[in-house]
Amino acid sequence: MKYSEKLIFSLLLVLIPSMVLVAQNRIPETSGFGGYFLTGPGIFQIKSNLLVTGPPLTGNVGDPVINSVFEQAESNSSFAWPLAGELNYTFSASKTQIFFGNGLEDILRLDVPVGIGVRQQLKDSSMLTFRILTTPLKLKFWEDPYVENEEREKTKLNFQGIRFRWAKMFKTGFEFTTTIRKYNFDDERSGDWLISEGRLDPSEQPLLNRDGFVYRFRLLYQINLDQKHILRPAISYINDDHKGEAIANQGYLLKLNYLRRSQKFLFDADLRIGQRFASADHPVYDDRIDSFRFGAAVSAFIPIKFFDSNRWSIWISADYIAEDSQIDFFDSRLLGIMGGLMYRANRK
């Protein structure tokens, strides 16, 4: 893997209930406010030499002291409390919707961007969505992850960006999404300790710089097998254009999503595999941080009546992600179990 933040941002599986998916693929017929809200407890077990913590985690999963930069990370657990939601307003006459909030597609990424944007349904029923992403709740990493036998210092990652989505392209099941975001660490000091120990040439330190831009391009096709069964195969191209060439990488991700829905429940299953290829050798290891990624997840949503309302659902999900690198230090694992309540206020 490139860095375990790539596992967090790119690999954590997305479980989107069909009622929200459908709402975002069409504009309601009536004007007014709508949206959804989702929350509940969870537990994560994470193995990473780089990540400290981030929403929805309530504790740290990174060890402040490591013995060697040539060893894998230890697994650590943390309680989690995810919070996702959106408030939108529909202008039915123009088929336009403005919205504010964070999306379900990000809730399991330990990355909770808050976005403001607009959706526009075109005459051919295709849907354009544009949003600006900000990160008020920031991920925390080690400012220099290569420190041995001393306590490492934390730093925050600013991860602003934009996302564009075109659904039902040309009256088909194709959907295209692109996301562009900028990495900016408050303190990027990768390699400082190794230089002080005489184990890294100062001229090689720029190769470790994690700041830069991240580009995601995804093409998805929705196959409606019948009214209850949906398949959604997708392919993504990823370009992590970091300033440090040893950290920069490119690769692909293949995803197959299966959706089973009825009036009594919704079942969602995901499978993903992918590879990344680094742009240059890492100066500490004299090897590239190429990696193979695998992930699987299942989730269920069950409608219930709560507070005399039929707008509620119980949800539960289980996720497993693994990333195996040519360099043990960058291997990562994640196991997460979450559940709770979702409330929908979508307009018809």
Protein backbone atom coordinates (compact mmCIF):
# COMPACT_ATOMS: atom_id res chain seq x y z
CA MET A 1 0.00 0.00 0.00
CA LYS A 2 1.02 3.61 -0.41
CA TYR A 3 0.00 4.70 3.03
CA SER A 4 -2.70 3.46 5.33
CA GLU A 5 -4.61 6.69 4.79
CA LYS A 6 -5.14 5.34 1.29
CA LEU A 7 -6.81 2.34 2.86
CA ILE A 8 -9.01 4.70 4.84
CA PHE A 9 -9.90 7.03 1.98
CA SER A 10 -10.09 4.65 -0.94
CA LEU A 11 -10.91 1.17 0.24
CA LEU A 12 -13.41 1.30 3.07
CA LEU A 13 -16.59 -0.12 1.67
CA VAL A 14 -19.67 1.91 0.90
CA LEU A 15 -23.09 0.58 1.91
CA ILE A 16 -25.82 2.80 0.47
CA PRO A 17 -29.46 1.94 1.21
CA SER A 18 -31.66 1.91 -1.86
CA MET A 19 -34.12 4.45 -0.52
CA VAL A 20 -31.35 7.08 -0.41
CA LEU A 21 -29.85 5.92 -3.72
CA VAL A 22 -33.17 6.33 -5.51
CA ALA A 23 -33.77 9.73 -3.94
CA GLN A 24 -30.47 11.02 -5.31
CA ASN A 25 -31.21 9.69 -8.81
CA ARG A 26 -34.37 11.75 -9.22
CA ILE A 27 -35.66 15.11 -8.06
CA PRO A 28 -38.91 14.99 -6.01
CA GLU A 29 -42.13 16.18 -7.65
CA THR A 30 -42.91 18.62 -4.82
CA SER A 31 -40.94 21.61 -3.53
CA GLY A 32 -39.74 21.83 0.05
CA PHE A 33 -37.29 20.44 2.58
CA GLY A 34 -36.15 16.81 2.81
CA GLY A 35 -33.18 14.72 3.84
CA TYR A 36 -32.05 11.92 6.13
CA PHE A 37 -30.21 11.30 9.36
CA LEU A 38 -28.22 8.21 10.42
CA THR A 39 -26.39 7.40 13.65
CA GLY A 40 -25.50 4.58 16.02
CA PRO A 41 -22.64 2.88 17.89
CA GLY A 42 -19.86 0.79 16.44
CA ILE A 43 -16.50 -0.81 17.10
CA PHE A 44 -13.41 -0.76 14.86
CA GLN A 45 -10.25 -2.84 15.01
CA ILE A 46 -7.49 -1.21 12.96
CA LYS A 47 -3.88 -2.03 12.22
CA SER A 48 -1.91 0.96 10.94
CA ASN A 49 1.54 2.44 11.52
CA LEU A 50 0.38 5.85 10.30
CA LEU A 51 -3.16 6.65 11.42
CA VAL A 52 -3.82 8.04 14.92
CA THR A 53 -7.60 8.54 14.90
CA GLY A 54 -10.45 10.14 12.99
CA PRO A 55 -14.23 10.39 12.88
CA PRO A 56 -16.28 8.41 13.71
CA LEU A 57 -13.69 6.88 16.09
CA THR A 58 -13.80 8.10 19.68
CA GLY A 59 -10.29 6.88 20.61
CA ASN A 60 -6.81 6.38 19.19
CA VAL A 61 -5.90 3.33 17.11
CA GLY A 62 -2.26 4.25 16.48
CA ASP A 63 0.63 3.33 18.80
CA PRO A 64 2.65 6.45 19.73
CA VAL A 65 5.84 4.37 20.12
CA ILE A 66 7.08 1.73 17.65
CA ASN A 67 10.18 -0.45 17.83
CA SER A 68 11.18 -0.47 14.17
CA VAL A 69 10.18 1.00 10.82
CA PHE A 70 10.59 -2.51 9.42
CA GLU A 71 7.79 -4.08 11.49
CA GLN A 72 4.05 -4.35 10.95
CA ALA A 73 1.70 -2.37 13.15
CA GLU A 74 -0.17 -3.88 16.10
CA SER A 75 -3.99 -4.01 15.95
CA ASN A 76 -5.90 -1.61 18.20
CA SER A 77 -9.63 -1.20 18.87
CA SER A 78 -11.76 1.88 19.30
CA PHE A 79 -15.41 2.60 19.98
CA ALA A 80 -17.10 4.62 17.23
CA TRP A 81 -20.20 6.76 16.88
CA PRO A 82 -20.92 7.61 13.23
CA LEU A 83 -23.11 10.52 12.27
CA ALA A 84 -24.32 11.11 8.73
CA GLY A 85 -27.08 13.26 7.34
CA GLU A 86 -28.28 15.67 4.73
CA LEU A 87 -30.70 18.59 4.66
CA ASN A 88 -31.93 19.53 1.20
CA TYR A 89 -34.44 21.81 -0.45
CA THR A 90 -36.14 20.99 -3.76
CA PHE A 91 -37.29 23.44 -6.43
CA SER A 92 -39.66 21.13 -8.29
CA ALA A 93 -40.40 23.49 -11.21
CA SER A 94 -36.75 23.62 -12.31
CA LYS A 95 -35.90 20.06 -11.11
CA THR A 96 -33.16 21.53 -8.89
CA GLN A 97 -32.13 20.54 -5.37
CA ILE A 98 -29.63 22.23 -3.07
CA PHE A 99 -28.21 20.29 -0.12
CA PHE A 100 -25.89 20.43 2.88
CA GLY A 101 -24.38 17.59 4.89
CA ASN A 102 -22.14 14.54 4.66
CA GLY A 103 -22.91 11.53 2.51
CA LEU A 104 -23.34 7.86 3.30
CA GLU A 105 -20.63 7.15 0.73
CA ASP A 106 -18.10 8.60 3.21
CA ILE A 107 -19.38 7.43 6.58
CA LEU A 108 -17.20 4.30 6.74
CA ARG A 109 -14.03 5.95 5.44
CA LEU A 110 -13.04 7.56 8.74
CA ASP A 111 -13.35 10.67 6.58
CA VAL A 112 -16.39 12.85 7.25
CA PRO A 113 -16.40 15.68 4.71
CA VAL A 114 -19.22 18.19 5.07
CA GLY A 115 -20.41 19.33 1.66
CA ILE A 116 -22.68 21.90 0.16
CA GLY A 117 -23.89 21.35 -3.37
CA VAL A 118 -26.59 21.20 -6.00
CA ARG A 119 -28.36 18.45 -7.95
CA GLN A 120 -29.95 19.10 -11.33
CA GLN A 121 -32.20 16.68 -13.18
CA LEU A 122 -31.97 17.12 -16.95
CA LYS A 123 -34.69 16.63 -19.55
CA ASP A 124 -33.42 13.15 -20.38
CA SER A 125 -33.84 12.22 -16.64
CA SER A 126 -30.08 12.08 -16.07
CA MET A 127 -28.82 13.72 -12.88
CA LEU A 128 -25.87 16.07 -12.36
CA THR A 129 -24.52 16.59 -8.83
CA PHE A 130 -21.78 18.97 -7.76
CA ARG A 131 -20.56 19.46 -4.21
CA ILE A 132 -17.79 21.31 -2.41
CA LEU A 133 -16.16 19.22 0.34
CA THR A 134 -14.71 20.51 3.62
CA THR A 135 -13.38 18.58 6.64
CA PRO A 136 -14.30 20.26 9.95
CA LEU A 137 -13.64 16.92 11.72
CA LYS A 138 -10.12 16.06 10.69
CA LEU A 139 -8.15 12.83 10.60
CA LYS A 140 -5.00 12.70 12.71
CA PHE A 141 -1.75 11.08 11.61
CA TRP A 142 1.83 10.98 12.91
CA GLU A 143 3.71 14.04 11.66
CA ASP A 144 6.82 11.82 11.32
CA PRO A 145 5.76 8.15 11.25
CA TYR A 146 9.39 6.90 11.02
CA VAL A 147 10.37 7.59 14.65
CA GLU A 148 11.62 4.56 16.61
CA ASN A 149 11.48 4.02 20.40
CA GLU A 150 10.31 7.59 21.04
CA GLU A 151 6.83 9.04 21.29
CA ARG A 152 5.58 10.33 17.96
CA GLU A 153 3.74 13.65 17.60
CA LYS A 154 0.27 14.00 16.02
CA THR A 155 -0.73 16.21 13.13
CA LYS A 156 -4.03 16.94 11.41
CA LEU A 157 -4.86 16.39 7.76
CA ASN A 158 -6.87 19.00 5.85
CA PHE A 159 -8.61 17.31 2.93
CA GLN A 160 -10.69 19.85 0.99
CA GLY A 161 -12.03 19.17 -2.47
CA ILE A 162 -14.88 18.84 -4.95
CA ARG A 163 -17.01 15.97 -6.24
CA PHE A 164 -18.96 15.70 -9.49
CA ARG A 165 -21.45 12.96 -10.35
CA TRP A 166 -23.41 12.24 -13.53
CA ALA A 167 -26.05 9.53 -13.07
CA LYS A 168 -28.27 7.84 -15.66
CA MET A 169 -25.94 8.97 -18.44
CA PHE A 170 -27.60 9.05 -21.87
CA LYS A 171 -30.72 7.34 -20.43
CA THR A 172 -28.67 4.27 -19.41
CA GLY A 173 -27.52 2.70 -16.16
CA PHE A 174 -24.07 4.30 -16.45
CA GLU A 175 -22.88 6.65 -13.72
CA PHE A 176 -19.64 8.66 -13.65
CA THR A 177 -18.13 10.19 -10.52
CA THR A 178 -14.94 12.19 -10.10
CA THR A 179 -13.48 13.49 -6.86
CA ILE A 180 -10.54 15.89 -6.54
CA ARG A 181 -9.17 16.63 -3.09
CA LYS A 182 -6.04 18.25 -1.71
CA TYR A 183 -3.86 16.73 1.02
CA ASN A 184 -2.42 19.34 3.38
CA PHE A 185 -0.88 18.22 6.68
CA ASP A 186 -0.53 20.82 9.41
CA ASP A 187 2.98 19.49 10.08
CA GLU A 188 4.60 17.22 7.50
CA ARG A 189 7.92 16.02 8.95
CA SER A 190 8.31 12.56 7.48
CA GLY A 191 11.95 11.51 7.77
CA ASP A 192 13.14 14.16 10.27
CA TRP A 193 14.08 11.57 12.91
CA LEU A 194 15.91 9.31 10.45
CA ILE A 195 17.94 12.30 9.24
CA SER A 196 18.87 13.16 12.84
CA GLU A 197 20.05 9.56 13.27
CA GLY A 198 22.10 9.63 10.06
CA ARG A 199 19.89 6.97 8.43
CA LEU A 200 18.41 9.15 5.67
CA ASP A 201 20.11 11.61 3.36
CA PRO A 202 18.44 15.06 3.62
CA SER A 203 18.32 15.22 -0.19
CA GLU A 204 15.98 12.19 -0.15
CA GLN A 205 13.48 13.61 2.34
CA PRO A 206 11.31 15.34 -0.33
CA LEU A 207 10.51 11.84 -1.66
CA LEU A 208 8.46 11.27 1.55
CA ASN A 209 6.25 14.38 1.35
CA ARG A 210 2.58 13.38 1.76
CA ASP A 211 1.07 16.73 0.69
CA GLY A 212 -0.45 16.95 -2.78
CA PHE A 213 -3.61 16.14 -4.73
CA VAL A 214 -5.75 12.99 -4.88
CA TYR A 215 -7.86 12.19 -7.95
CA ARG A 216 -10.62 9.57 -8.18
CA PHE A 217 -12.51 8.60 -11.35
CA ARG A 218 -15.25 5.95 -11.17
CA LEU A 219 -17.49 4.45 -13.84
CA LEU A 220 -20.43 2.40 -12.58
CA TYR A 221 -23.23 0.52 -14.33
CA GLN A 222 -26.49 -0.36 -12.61
CA ILE A 223 -28.16 -3.59 -13.72
CA ASN A 224 -31.77 -3.99 -12.57
CA LEU A 225 -32.24 -7.76 -12.63
CA ASP A 226 -35.85 -7.29 -11.49
CA GLN A 227 -37.71 -5.08 -9.02
CA LYS A 228 -35.93 -6.65 -6.04
CA HIS A 229 -32.39 -7.45 -7.25
CA ILE A 230 -29.74 -4.95 -8.44
CA LEU A 231 -26.10 -5.43 -9.47
CA ARG A 232 -23.72 -2.46 -9.61
CA PRO A 233 -20.27 -3.30 -11.05
CA ALA A 234 -17.81 -0.41 -11.07
CA ILE A 235 -14.20 0.37 -11.95
CA SER A 236 -12.17 3.22 -10.49
CA TYR A 237 -8.90 4.83 -11.50
CA ILE A 238 -6.94 6.42 -8.64
CA ASN A 239 -4.08 8.89 -8.92
CA ASP A 240 -2.49 9.94 -5.64
CA ASP A 241 -0.33 12.78 -6.90
CA HIS A 242 1.67 13.53 -3.75
CA LYS A 243 4.71 15.78 -3.79
CA GLY A 244 6.89 12.88 -2.63
CA GLU A 245 7.43 10.50 -5.54
CA ALA A 246 7.98 7.55 -3.19
CA ILE A 247 4.52 8.20 -1.76
CA ALA A 248 2.74 9.04 -5.02
CA ASN A 249 0.99 6.12 -6.70
CA GLN A 250 -1.59 5.14 -9.28
CA GLY A 251 -3.88 2.16 -9.53
CA TYR A 252 -7.34 0.75 -10.00
CA LEU A 253 -10.19 -0.60 -7.91
CA LEU A 254 -12.85 -3.09 -9.05
CA LYS A 255 -16.13 -3.21 -7.16
CA LEU A 256 -19.22 -5.41 -7.33
CA ASN A 257 -22.25 -4.37 -5.29
CA TYR A 258 -25.38 -6.51 -4.86
CA LEU A 259 -28.64 -5.03 -3.56
CA ARG A 260 -31.74 -6.99 -2.47
CA ARG A 261 -34.69 -4.86 -1.47
CA SER A 262 -38.30 -5.45 -0.43
CA GLN A 263 -40.88 -3.79 1.78
CA LYS A 264 -39.56 -5.73 4.80
CA PHE A 265 -35.80 -5.24 4.49
CA LEU A 266 -32.84 -4.17 2.40
CA PHE A 267 -29.71 -6.32 2.06
CA ASP A 268 -26.50 -4.86 0.66
CA ALA A 269 -23.26 -6.76 -0.09
CA ASP A 270 -19.97 -5.42 -1.43
CA LEU A 271 -16.75 -6.90 -2.80
CA ARG A 272 -13.68 -4.91 -3.90
CA ILE A 273 -10.20 -5.71 -5.14
CA GLY A 274 -7.51 -3.37 -6.40
CA GLN A 275 -3.83 -2.64 -6.85
CA ARG A 276 -1.58 0.39 -6.43
CA PHE A 277 1.81 1.07 -8.00
CA ALA A 278 4.19 3.63 -6.48
CA SER A 279 5.98 6.18 -8.66
CA ALA A 280 9.47 5.66 -7.18
CA ASP A 281 11.45 3.58 -4.68
CA HIS A 282 11.07 4.49 -1.02
CA PRO A 283 14.54 5.68 0.17
CA VAL A 284 14.20 3.98 3.57
CA TYR A 285 13.49 0.54 2.11
CA ASP A 286 14.97 0.68 -1.41
CA ASP A 287 11.70 -0.74 -2.71
CA ARG A 288 8.36 0.54 -3.98
CA ILE A 289 5.21 0.62 -1.86
CA ASP A 290 3.16 -1.37 -4.35
CA SER A 291 0.13 -3.05 -2.80
CA PHE A 292 -2.85 -5.36 -3.26
CA ARG A 293 -6.19 -4.49 -1.68
CA PHE A 294 -9.21 -6.58 -0.78
CA GLY A 295 -12.45 -5.72 0.97
CA ALA A 296 -15.85 -7.27 1.71
CA ALA A 297 -18.90 -6.01 3.54
CA VAL A 298 -22.54 -6.81 4.27
CA SER A 299 -25.30 -4.68 5.69
CA ALA A 300 -29.02 -4.82 6.36
CA PHE A 301 -31.70 -2.13 6.74
CA ILE A 302 -35.05 -3.01 8.34
CA PRO A 303 -37.93 -0.47 8.35
CA ILE A 304 -39.61 0.04 11.73
CA LYS A 305 -42.31 2.22 13.26
CA PHE A 306 -40.77 4.57 15.82
CA PHE A 307 -42.38 7.57 17.54
CA ASP A 308 -45.55 6.80 15.53
CA SER A 309 -43.58 7.31 12.31
CA ASN A 310 -42.80 4.90 9.48
CA ARG A 311 -39.75 6.87 8.35
CA TRP A 312 -37.30 4.96 10.56
CA SER A 313 -35.04 1.98 9.81
CA ILE A 314 -32.67 -0.15 11.86
CA TRP A 315 -29.32 -0.68 10.15
CA ILE A 316 -26.32 -2.90 10.86
CA SER A 317 -23.13 -3.47 8.87
CA ALA A 318 -19.92 -5.48 9.06
CA ASP A 319 -16.80 -4.61 7.06
CA TYR A 320 -13.37 -6.11 6.53
CA ILE A 321 -10.52 -4.45 4.62
CA ALA A 322 -6.97 -5.69 4.03
CA GLU A 323 -4.05 -4.08 2.26
CA ASP A 324 -0.86 -6.04 1.70
CA SER A 325 2.22 -4.09 0.70
CA GLN A 326 5.65 -5.16 -0.49
CA ILE A 327 6.89 -3.37 2.66
CA ASP A 328 5.56 -4.73 5.98
CA PHE A 329 5.50 -1.31 7.67
CA PHE A 330 2.65 -0.20 5.38
CA ASP A 331 0.39 -3.26 5.75
CA SER A 332 -3.06 -2.31 7.06
CA ARG A 333 -6.21 -4.05 8.27
CA LEU A 334 -9.63 -2.86 9.32
CA LEU A 335 -12.59 -4.70 10.84
CA GLY A 336 -15.68 -2.71 11.71
CA ILE A 337 -19.14 -3.49 13.07
CA MET A 338 -21.72 -0.72 13.29
CA GLY A 339 -25.45 -0.31 13.74
CA GLY A 340 -28.15 2.15 14.68
CA LEU A 341 -31.12 4.09 13.41
CA MET A 342 -31.80 5.97 10.18
CA TYR A 343 -34.54 8.54 9.67
CA ARG A 344 -35.73 9.61 6.21
CA ALA A 345 -37.68 12.74 5.35
CA ASN A 346 -37.56 12.42 1.56
CA ARG A 347 -40.18 14.20 -0.50
CA LYS A 348 -42.31 12.44 -3.10
